[in-house]
Amino acid sequence: MPAHHIALDSWRGLAAVLVALHHFVSTGTLTGNALVQNSWIFVDFFFLLSGFIIAANYKSNINSGGDLKNFMLLRLGRLWPLHIVMLALWFLFELAIAFLAKGATTGGRAAFTEPYDLTSLAANIFLVQSLGLNEETRNWVAWSISTEVWTYLVFGVL
């Protein structure tokens, strides 16, 4: 692997760790410092670096519709399975609210109501939530996965 790929992957890893720390709820010294508190910006940095890496790896490999199909299948195969597992967990949570929490406190909402209705489930399954079809969806952080998939398609077509 060329040295520039190792350097870019290292920076991507650092950005991913900082974003994960940003989402970690804690009042400790590590997560309470200004760098971690503002690490949301590293999402953009991560995607930018990923774009450079993908462009370098695939710039001469997508020459036909079949190549684009294989490229998209590889990208989806990396992202979609874990995404679907998380959606299944959210669905089970909604079922638990529907069947187990009758009369219990559920945050003031019934199961499968907005923004956690079946429309948002469909938007998440097909990864179209970043296209503005739903304002808020079941797994709200998955907008980044949706954006990534559609960006891959634009990259492959161009």
C-alpha atoms as a PDB file:
ATOM      1  CA  MET A   1       0.000   0.000   0.000  1.00  0.00           C
ATOM      2  CA  PRO A   2       1.459   3.407  -0.956  1.00  0.00           C
ATOM      3  CA  ALA A   3       2.511   5.713   1.885  1.00  0.00           C
ATOM      4  CA  HIS A   4      -0.086   8.343   0.954  1.00  0.00           C
ATOM      5  CA  HIS A   5      -2.866   5.749   1.348  1.00  0.00           C
ATOM      6  CA  ILE A   6      -1.587   4.832   4.813  1.00  0.00           C
ATOM      7  CA  ALA A   7      -1.467   8.518   5.786  1.00  0.00           C
ATOM      8  CA  LEU A   8      -4.990   9.175   4.497  1.00  0.00           C
ATOM      9  CA  ASP A   9      -6.350   6.071   6.226  1.00  0.00           C
ATOM     10  CA  SER A  10      -4.661   7.159   9.458  1.00  0.00           C
ATOM     11  CA  TRP A  11      -6.286  10.591   9.295  1.00  0.00           C
ATOM     12  CA  ARG A  12      -9.620   8.957   8.488  1.00  0.00           C
ATOM     13  CA  GLY A  13      -9.261   6.706  11.537  1.00  0.00           C
ATOM     14  CA  LEU A  14      -8.459   9.678  13.755  1.00  0.00           C
ATOM     15  CA  ALA A  15     -11.487  11.562  12.415  1.00  0.00           C
ATOM     16  CA  ALA A  16     -13.728   8.536  13.066  1.00  0.00           C
ATOM     17  CA  VAL A  17     -12.478   8.204  16.651  1.00  0.00           C
ATOM     18  CA  LEU A  18     -13.046  11.914  17.310  1.00  0.00           C
ATOM     19  CA  VAL A  19     -16.599  11.745  15.939  1.00  0.00           C
ATOM     20  CA  ALA A  20     -17.298   8.655  18.083  1.00  0.00           C
ATOM     21  CA  LEU A  21     -15.964  10.467  21.163  1.00  0.00           C
ATOM     22  CA  HIS A  22     -18.141  13.465  20.309  1.00  0.00           C
ATOM     23  CA  HIS A  23     -21.223  11.217  20.446  1.00  0.00           C
ATOM     24  CA  PHE A  24     -20.125   9.535  23.676  1.00  0.00           C
ATOM     25  CA  VAL A  25     -22.088  11.037  26.550  1.00  0.00           C
ATOM     26  CA  SER A  26     -19.754  11.682  29.440  1.00  0.00           C
ATOM     27  CA  THR A  27     -18.498  14.499  31.614  1.00  0.00           C
ATOM     28  CA  GLY A  28     -14.897  13.276  31.788  1.00  0.00           C
ATOM     29  CA  THR A  29     -11.737  15.128  30.848  1.00  0.00           C
ATOM     30  CA  LEU A  30     -11.361  13.279  27.546  1.00  0.00           C
ATOM     31  CA  THR A  31     -14.843  13.991  26.230  1.00  0.00           C
ATOM     32  CA  GLY A  32     -15.196  17.396  27.878  1.00  0.00           C
ATOM     33  CA  ASN A  33     -12.361  19.175  26.064  1.00  0.00           C
ATOM     34  CA  ALA A  34     -12.994  21.665  23.255  1.00  0.00           C
ATOM     35  CA  LEU A  35     -11.577  19.432  20.509  1.00  0.00           C
ATOM     36  CA  VAL A  36     -13.935  16.549  21.269  1.00  0.00           C
ATOM     37  CA  GLN A  37     -16.896  18.876  21.903  1.00  0.00           C
ATOM     38  CA  ASN A  38     -16.451  20.304  18.382  1.00  0.00           C
ATOM     39  CA  SER A  39     -15.531  17.056  16.657  1.00  0.00           C
ATOM     40  CA  TRP A  40     -18.756  16.993  14.654  1.00  0.00           C
ATOM     41  CA  ILE A  41     -16.760  18.811  11.955  1.00  0.00           C
ATOM     42  CA  PHE A  42     -14.641  15.694  11.474  1.00  0.00           C
ATOM     43  CA  VAL A  43     -17.615  13.984   9.797  1.00  0.00           C
ATOM     44  CA  ASP A  44     -16.997  16.259   6.805  1.00  0.00           C
ATOM     45  CA  PHE A  45     -13.240  15.665   7.018  1.00  0.00           C
ATOM     46  CA  PHE A  46     -13.811  11.888   7.098  1.00  0.00           C
ATOM     47  CA  PHE A  47     -16.016  12.016   3.990  1.00  0.00           C
ATOM     48  CA  LEU A  48     -13.573  14.273   2.170  1.00  0.00           C
ATOM     49  CA  LEU A  49     -10.683  11.896   2.832  1.00  0.00           C
ATOM     50  CA  SER A  50     -12.847   8.927   1.889  1.00  0.00           C
ATOM     51  CA  GLY A  51     -13.603  10.606  -1.420  1.00  0.00           C
ATOM     52  CA  PHE A  52      -9.906  10.987  -2.182  1.00  0.00           C
ATOM     53  CA  ILE A  53      -9.226   7.349  -1.276  1.00  0.00           C
ATOM     54  CA  ILE A  54     -12.131   5.999  -3.337  1.00  0.00           C
ATOM     55  CA  ALA A  55     -11.245   8.208  -6.308  1.00  0.00           C
ATOM     56  CA  ALA A  56      -7.620   7.006  -6.174  1.00  0.00           C
ATOM     57  CA  ASN A  57      -8.664   3.358  -5.949  1.00  0.00           C
ATOM     58  CA  TYR A  58     -11.400   3.397  -8.589  1.00  0.00           C
ATOM     59  CA  LYS A  59     -10.484   6.222 -10.987  1.00  0.00           C
ATOM     60  CA  SER A  60      -9.685   3.865 -13.854  1.00  0.00           C
ATOM     61  CA  ASN A  61     -11.853   0.904 -12.823  1.00  0.00           C
ATOM     62  CA  ILE A  62     -15.347   2.187 -13.660  1.00  0.00           C
ATOM     63  CA  ASN A  63     -15.616   2.110 -17.437  1.00  0.00           C
ATOM     64  CA  SER A  64     -19.021   0.530 -18.025  1.00  0.00           C
ATOM     65  CA  GLY A  65     -22.424  -0.046 -16.497  1.00  0.00           C
ATOM     66  CA  GLY A  66     -21.249  -3.441 -15.251  1.00  0.00           C
ATOM     67  CA  ASP A  67     -18.273  -1.830 -13.517  1.00  0.00           C
ATOM     68  CA  LEU A  68     -20.611   0.699 -11.891  1.00  0.00           C
ATOM     69  CA  LYS A  69     -22.897  -2.109 -10.734  1.00  0.00           C
ATOM     70  CA  ASN A  70     -19.972  -3.996  -9.158  1.00  0.00           C
ATOM     71  CA  PHE A  71     -18.678  -0.796  -7.543  1.00  0.00           C
ATOM     72  CA  MET A  72     -22.094  -0.037  -6.021  1.00  0.00           C
ATOM     73  CA  LEU A  73     -22.549  -3.645  -4.832  1.00  0.00           C
ATOM     74  CA  LEU A  74     -19.160  -3.506  -3.090  1.00  0.00           C
ATOM     75  CA  ARG A  75     -20.030  -0.183  -1.428  1.00  0.00           C
ATOM     76  CA  LEU A  76     -23.523  -1.312  -0.391  1.00  0.00           C
ATOM     77  CA  GLY A  77     -22.169  -4.636   0.833  1.00  0.00           C
ATOM     78  CA  ARG A  78     -19.950  -2.707   3.223  1.00  0.00           C
ATOM     79  CA  LEU A  79     -22.656  -0.403   4.589  1.00  0.00           C
ATOM     80  CA  TRP A  80     -26.112  -1.903   4.225  1.00  0.00           C
ATOM     81  CA  PRO A  81     -25.931  -5.106   6.343  1.00  0.00           C
ATOM     82  CA  LEU A  82     -25.047  -3.340   9.613  1.00  0.00           C
ATOM     83  CA  HIS A  83     -27.536  -0.583   8.775  1.00  0.00           C
ATOM     84  CA  ILE A  84     -30.308  -3.184   8.396  1.00  0.00           C
ATOM     85  CA  VAL A  85     -29.336  -4.865  11.681  1.00  0.00           C
ATOM     86  CA  MET A  86     -29.669  -1.506  13.466  1.00  0.00           C
ATOM     87  CA  LEU A  87     -33.041  -0.881  11.782  1.00  0.00           C
ATOM     88  CA  ALA A  88     -34.206  -4.307  12.932  1.00  0.00           C
ATOM     89  CA  LEU A  89     -33.283  -3.381  16.511  1.00  0.00           C
ATOM     90  CA  TRP A  90     -35.230  -0.117  16.208  1.00  0.00           C
ATOM     91  CA  PHE A  91     -38.200  -2.059  14.806  1.00  0.00           C
ATOM     92  CA  LEU A  92     -38.058  -4.472  17.756  1.00  0.00           C
ATOM     93  CA  PHE A  93     -37.963  -1.486  20.104  1.00  0.00           C
ATOM     94  CA  GLU A  94     -41.122  -0.120  18.488  1.00  0.00           C
ATOM     95  CA  LEU A  95     -42.768  -3.538  18.807  1.00  0.00           C
ATOM     96  CA  ALA A  96     -41.818  -3.576  22.479  1.00  0.00           C
ATOM     97  CA  ILE A  97     -43.514  -0.201  22.905  1.00  0.00           C
ATOM     98  CA  ALA A  98     -46.605  -1.503  21.096  1.00  0.00           C
ATOM     99  CA  PHE A  99     -46.996  -4.771  22.989  1.00  0.00           C
ATOM    100  CA  LEU A 100     -45.192  -4.441  26.299  1.00  0.00           C
ATOM    101  CA  ALA A 101     -45.633  -0.814  27.262  1.00  0.00           C
ATOM    102  CA  LYS A 102     -49.415  -0.514  27.152  1.00  0.00           C
ATOM    103  CA  GLY A 103     -50.239   2.105  29.718  1.00  0.00           C
ATOM    104  CA  ALA A 104     -46.558   2.614  30.564  1.00  0.00           C
ATOM    105  CA  THR A 105     -44.530   5.762  30.058  1.00  0.00           C
ATOM    106  CA  THR A 106     -42.986   5.688  26.572  1.00  0.00           C
ATOM    107  CA  GLY A 107     -41.915   9.283  26.253  1.00  0.00           C
ATOM    108  CA  GLY A 108     -45.452  10.370  25.511  1.00  0.00           C
ATOM    109  CA  ARG A 109     -45.884   8.599  22.194  1.00  0.00           C
ATOM    110  CA  ALA A 110     -47.417   5.438  20.843  1.00  0.00           C
ATOM    111  CA  ALA A 111     -45.488   2.888  18.802  1.00  0.00           C
ATOM    112  CA  PHE A 112     -44.920   3.474  15.093  1.00  0.00           C
ATOM    113  CA  THR A 113     -45.904   7.137  15.191  1.00  0.00           C
ATOM    114  CA  GLU A 114     -44.024   9.994  13.538  1.00  0.00           C
ATOM    115  CA  PRO A 115     -41.101  10.255  13.185  1.00  0.00           C
ATOM    116  CA  TYR A 116     -40.805   6.496  13.785  1.00  0.00           C
ATOM    117  CA  ASP A 117     -43.613   5.415  11.479  1.00  0.00           C
ATOM    118  CA  LEU A 118     -43.430   2.839   8.701  1.00  0.00           C
ATOM    119  CA  THR A 119     -42.726   5.547   6.104  1.00  0.00           C
ATOM    120  CA  SER A 120     -39.486   6.390   7.862  1.00  0.00           C
ATOM    121  CA  LEU A 121     -38.676   2.681   8.043  1.00  0.00           C
ATOM    122  CA  ALA A 122     -39.050   2.403   4.255  1.00  0.00           C
ATOM    123  CA  ALA A 123     -36.909   5.517   3.724  1.00  0.00           C
ATOM    124  CA  ASN A 124     -34.175   3.961   5.854  1.00  0.00           C
ATOM    125  CA  ILE A 125     -34.326   0.550   4.192  1.00  0.00           C
ATOM    126  CA  PHE A 126     -33.836   2.116   0.757  1.00  0.00           C
ATOM    127  CA  LEU A 127     -31.368   4.743   2.070  1.00  0.00           C
ATOM    128  CA  VAL A 128     -33.283   7.717   0.684  1.00  0.00           C
ATOM    129  CA  GLN A 129     -33.602   9.676   3.925  1.00  0.00           C
ATOM    130  CA  SER A 130     -30.859  12.135   2.930  1.00  0.00           C
ATOM    131  CA  LEU A 131     -32.807  13.110  -0.191  1.00  0.00           C
ATOM    132  CA  GLY A 132     -35.226  15.185   1.893  1.00  0.00           C
ATOM    133  CA  LEU A 133     -38.109  12.715   1.789  1.00  0.00           C
ATOM    134  CA  ASN A 134     -38.340  12.562   5.581  1.00  0.00           C
ATOM    135  CA  GLU A 135     -37.264  15.312   7.969  1.00  0.00           C
ATOM    136  CA  GLU A 136     -36.487  12.918  10.794  1.00  0.00           C
ATOM    137  CA  THR A 137     -36.313   9.171  10.569  1.00  0.00           C
ATOM    138  CA  ARG A 138     -35.990   6.094  12.711  1.00  0.00           C
ATOM    139  CA  ASN A 139     -32.181   5.998  12.801  1.00  0.00           C
ATOM    140  CA  TRP A 140     -31.439   9.703  12.413  1.00  0.00           C
ATOM    141  CA  VAL A 141     -27.649   9.336  12.223  1.00  0.00           C
ATOM    142  CA  ALA A 142     -28.021   7.075   9.174  1.00  0.00           C
ATOM    143  CA  TRP A 143     -28.457  10.200   7.007  1.00  0.00           C
ATOM    144  CA  SER A 144     -24.679   9.987   6.600  1.00  0.00           C
ATOM    145  CA  ILE A 145     -24.908   6.436   5.201  1.00  0.00           C
ATOM    146  CA  SER A 146     -27.654   7.535   2.829  1.00  0.00           C
ATOM    147  CA  THR A 147     -25.580  10.512   1.692  1.00  0.00           C
ATOM    148  CA  GLU A 148     -22.550   8.288   1.237  1.00  0.00           C
ATOM    149  CA  VAL A 149     -24.423   5.803  -0.973  1.00  0.00           C
ATOM    150  CA  TRP A 150     -25.863   8.504  -3.232  1.00  0.00           C
ATOM    151  CA  THR A 151     -22.468  10.191  -3.468  1.00  0.00           C
ATOM    152  CA  TYR A 152     -20.945   6.856  -4.527  1.00  0.00           C
ATOM    153  CA  LEU A 153     -23.521   6.623  -7.300  1.00  0.00           C
ATOM    154  CA  VAL A 154     -22.794  10.167  -8.519  1.00  0.00           C
ATOM    155  CA  PHE A 155     -19.049   9.430  -8.393  1.00  0.00           C
ATOM    156  CA  GLY A 156     -19.483   6.222 -10.365  1.00  0.00           C
ATOM    157  CA  VAL A 157     -21.635   7.861 -13.022  1.00  0.00           C
ATOM    158  CA  LEU A 158     -19.239  10.798 -13.433  1.00  0.00           C
END
